[in-house]
C-alpha atoms as a PDB file:
ATOM      1  CA  MET A   1      35.341 100.392  42.947  1.00  0.00           C
ATOM      2  CA  GLY A   2      36.302  96.874  43.482  1.00  0.00           C
ATOM      3  CA  ASN A   3      39.272  94.800  43.257  1.00  0.00           C
ATOM      4  CA  LEU A   4      40.986  93.855  39.971  1.00  0.00           C
ATOM      5  CA  SER A   5      42.620  90.416  39.587  1.00  0.00           C
ATOM      6  CA  ILE A   6      45.303  89.906  37.146  1.00  0.00           C
ATOM      7  CA  ARG A   7      48.158  87.477  36.331  1.00  0.00           C
ATOM      8  CA  GLY A   8      51.680  88.537  36.401  1.00  0.00           C
ATOM      9  CA  LYS A   9      52.189  87.823  32.750  1.00  0.00           C
ATOM     10  CA  GLU A  10      49.405  90.472  31.989  1.00  0.00           C
ATOM     11  CA  ILE A  11      51.821  93.139  33.407  1.00  0.00           C
ATOM     12  CA  ASN A  12      53.479  94.561  30.120  1.00  0.00           C
ATOM     13  CA  ARG A  13      55.772  96.812  32.006  1.00  0.00           C
ATOM     14  CA  LEU A  14      56.942  97.978  35.372  1.00  0.00           C
ATOM     15  CA  VAL A  15      57.876 101.476  35.178  1.00  0.00           C
ATOM     16  CA  THR A  16      59.681 103.358  37.935  1.00  0.00           C
ATOM     17  CA  LYS A  17      60.249 106.981  38.525  1.00  0.00           C
ATOM     18  CA  PHE A  18      62.462 108.817  40.910  1.00  0.00           C
ATOM     19  CA  GLN A  19      61.943 112.639  41.599  1.00  0.00           C
ATOM     20  CA  TYR A  20      61.957 115.198  44.366  1.00  0.00           C
ATOM     21  CA  ASP A  21      58.842 116.127  46.106  1.00  0.00           C
ATOM     22  CA  GLY A  22      60.003 119.232  47.631  1.00  0.00           C
ATOM     23  CA  LYS A  23      62.963 118.331  49.597  1.00  0.00           C
ATOM     24  CA  GLU A  24      62.314 114.692  49.670  1.00  0.00           C
ATOM     25  CA  MET A  25      62.902 111.856  47.296  1.00  0.00           C
ATOM     26  CA  CYS A  26      59.931 110.371  45.984  1.00  0.00           C
ATOM     27  CA  PHE A  27      59.581 106.699  44.444  1.00  0.00           C
ATOM     28  CA  GLU A  28      56.891 105.519  42.002  1.00  0.00           C
ATOM     29  CA  ILE A  29      55.935 102.457  40.472  1.00  0.00           C
ATOM     30  CA  SER A  30      53.453 102.274  37.737  1.00  0.00           C
ATOM     31  CA  LEU A  31      51.997  99.267  35.770  1.00  0.00           C
ATOM     32  CA  ARG A  32      51.117  99.042  31.782  1.00  0.00           C
ATOM     33  CA  ILE A  33      48.594  96.107  32.099  1.00  0.00           C
ATOM     34  CA  LYS A  34      48.236  95.627  28.441  1.00  0.00           C
ATOM     35  CA  GLU A  35      50.185  96.839  25.425  1.00  0.00           C
ATOM     36  CA  ASN A  36      49.314 100.485  24.601  1.00  0.00           C
ATOM     37  CA  SER A  37      47.233 100.886  27.707  1.00  0.00           C
ATOM     38  CA  HIS A  38      47.784 103.924  29.868  1.00  0.00           C
ATOM     39  CA  LEU A  39      50.200 103.601  32.814  1.00  0.00           C
ATOM     40  CA  VAL A  40      48.516 102.995  36.155  1.00  0.00           C
ATOM     41  CA  LEU A  41      50.114 104.331  39.386  1.00  0.00           C
ATOM     42  CA  PHE A  42      50.553 101.510  41.710  1.00  0.00           C
ATOM     43  CA  LEU A  43      52.717 102.897  44.297  1.00  0.00           C
ATOM     44  CA  LYS A  44      53.974 106.536  45.308  1.00  0.00           C
ATOM     45  CA  THR A  45      56.029 106.624  48.593  1.00  0.00           C
ATOM     46  CA  ASN A  46      59.113 108.605  50.216  1.00  0.00           C
ATOM     47  CA  ASP A  47      60.336 105.241  51.863  1.00  0.00           C
ATOM     48  CA  TYR A  48      62.787 103.511  49.582  1.00  0.00           C
ATOM     49  CA  GLY A  49      62.543 100.349  51.500  1.00  0.00           C
ATOM     50  CA  LYS A  50      58.697  99.983  50.804  1.00  0.00           C
ATOM     51  CA  PHE A  51      59.543 100.864  47.114  1.00  0.00           C
ATOM     52  CA  ARG A  52      62.053  98.273  46.853  1.00  0.00           C
ATOM     53  CA  LYS A  53      60.074  95.555  48.725  1.00  0.00           C
ATOM     54  CA  ALA A  54      56.892  96.319  46.391  1.00  0.00           C
ATOM     55  CA  PHE A  55      59.241  96.383  43.090  1.00  0.00           C
ATOM     56  CA  ASP A  56      60.876  93.161  44.176  1.00  0.00           C
ATOM     57  CA  GLU A  57      57.478  91.420  44.896  1.00  0.00           C
ATOM     58  CA  LEU A  58      55.952  92.642  41.497  1.00  0.00           C
ATOM     59  CA  MET A  59      59.023  91.322  39.666  1.00  0.00           C
ATOM     60  CA  ASN A  60      58.367  87.900  41.203  1.00  0.00           C
ATOM     61  CA  ILE A  61      54.830  87.920  40.513  1.00  0.00           C
ATOM     62  CA  ARG A  62      55.450  88.820  37.107  1.00  0.00           C
ATOM     63  CA  ALA A  63      57.943  86.050  36.704  1.00  0.00           C
ATOM     64  CA  GLU A  64      55.943  83.432  38.239  1.00  0.00           C
ATOM     65  CA  ASN A  65      52.720  84.461  36.583  1.00  0.00           C
ATOM     66  CA  GLU A  66      51.168  84.683  40.111  1.00  0.00           C
ATOM     67  CA  LEU A  67      47.808  86.399  40.841  1.00  0.00           C
ATOM     68  CA  LEU A  68      48.038  90.179  41.592  1.00  0.00           C
ATOM     69  CA  GLU A  69      44.971  91.762  43.363  1.00  0.00           C
ATOM     70  CA  LEU A  70      44.810  95.417  42.478  1.00  0.00           C
ATOM     71  CA  PRO A  71      42.709  97.368  44.814  1.00  0.00           C
ATOM     72  CA  GLY A  72      40.155  99.806  43.415  1.00  0.00           C
ATOM     73  CA  THR A  73      42.332 102.587  44.614  1.00  0.00           C
ATOM     74  CA  ILE A  74      46.054 101.939  44.255  1.00  0.00           C
ATOM     75  CA  GLY A  75      49.193 104.145  45.299  1.00  0.00           C
ATOM     76  CA  GLY A  76      49.731 105.596  48.539  1.00  0.00           C
ATOM     77  CA  SER A  77      52.576 105.359  51.081  1.00  0.00           C
ATOM     78  CA  SER A  78      52.623 101.634  51.378  1.00  0.00           C
ATOM     79  CA  PRO A  79      52.479  98.666  48.909  1.00  0.00           C
ATOM     80  CA  GLN A  80      48.905  97.723  49.596  1.00  0.00           C
ATOM     81  CA  GLY A  81      47.568  95.341  47.115  1.00  0.00           C
ATOM     82  CA  ILE A  82      50.193  93.143  46.467  1.00  0.00           C
ATOM     83  CA  TYR A  83      48.997  89.666  47.228  1.00  0.00           C
ATOM     84  CA  ALA A  84      50.624  86.821  45.379  1.00  0.00           C
ATOM     85  CA  ALA A  85      48.469  83.596  45.306  1.00  0.00           C
END
């Protein structure tokens, strides 16, 4: 699957979730790209620093309406796919 390019204003919602995965805290960021669309998992990590960095970058991309490249497979242990242009 190829990359999907969207503008920050196309992100309708940023949804965060904190939960335990076994004994470790897990942090997730999901995106709602359009109104009434399903949530798409963007990032899942046990590293709060990576989560916070990805969240801050997404908030900036959304506020500045910058270009966001979403890889065909998003999520994982690092904020891959966050490229502001």
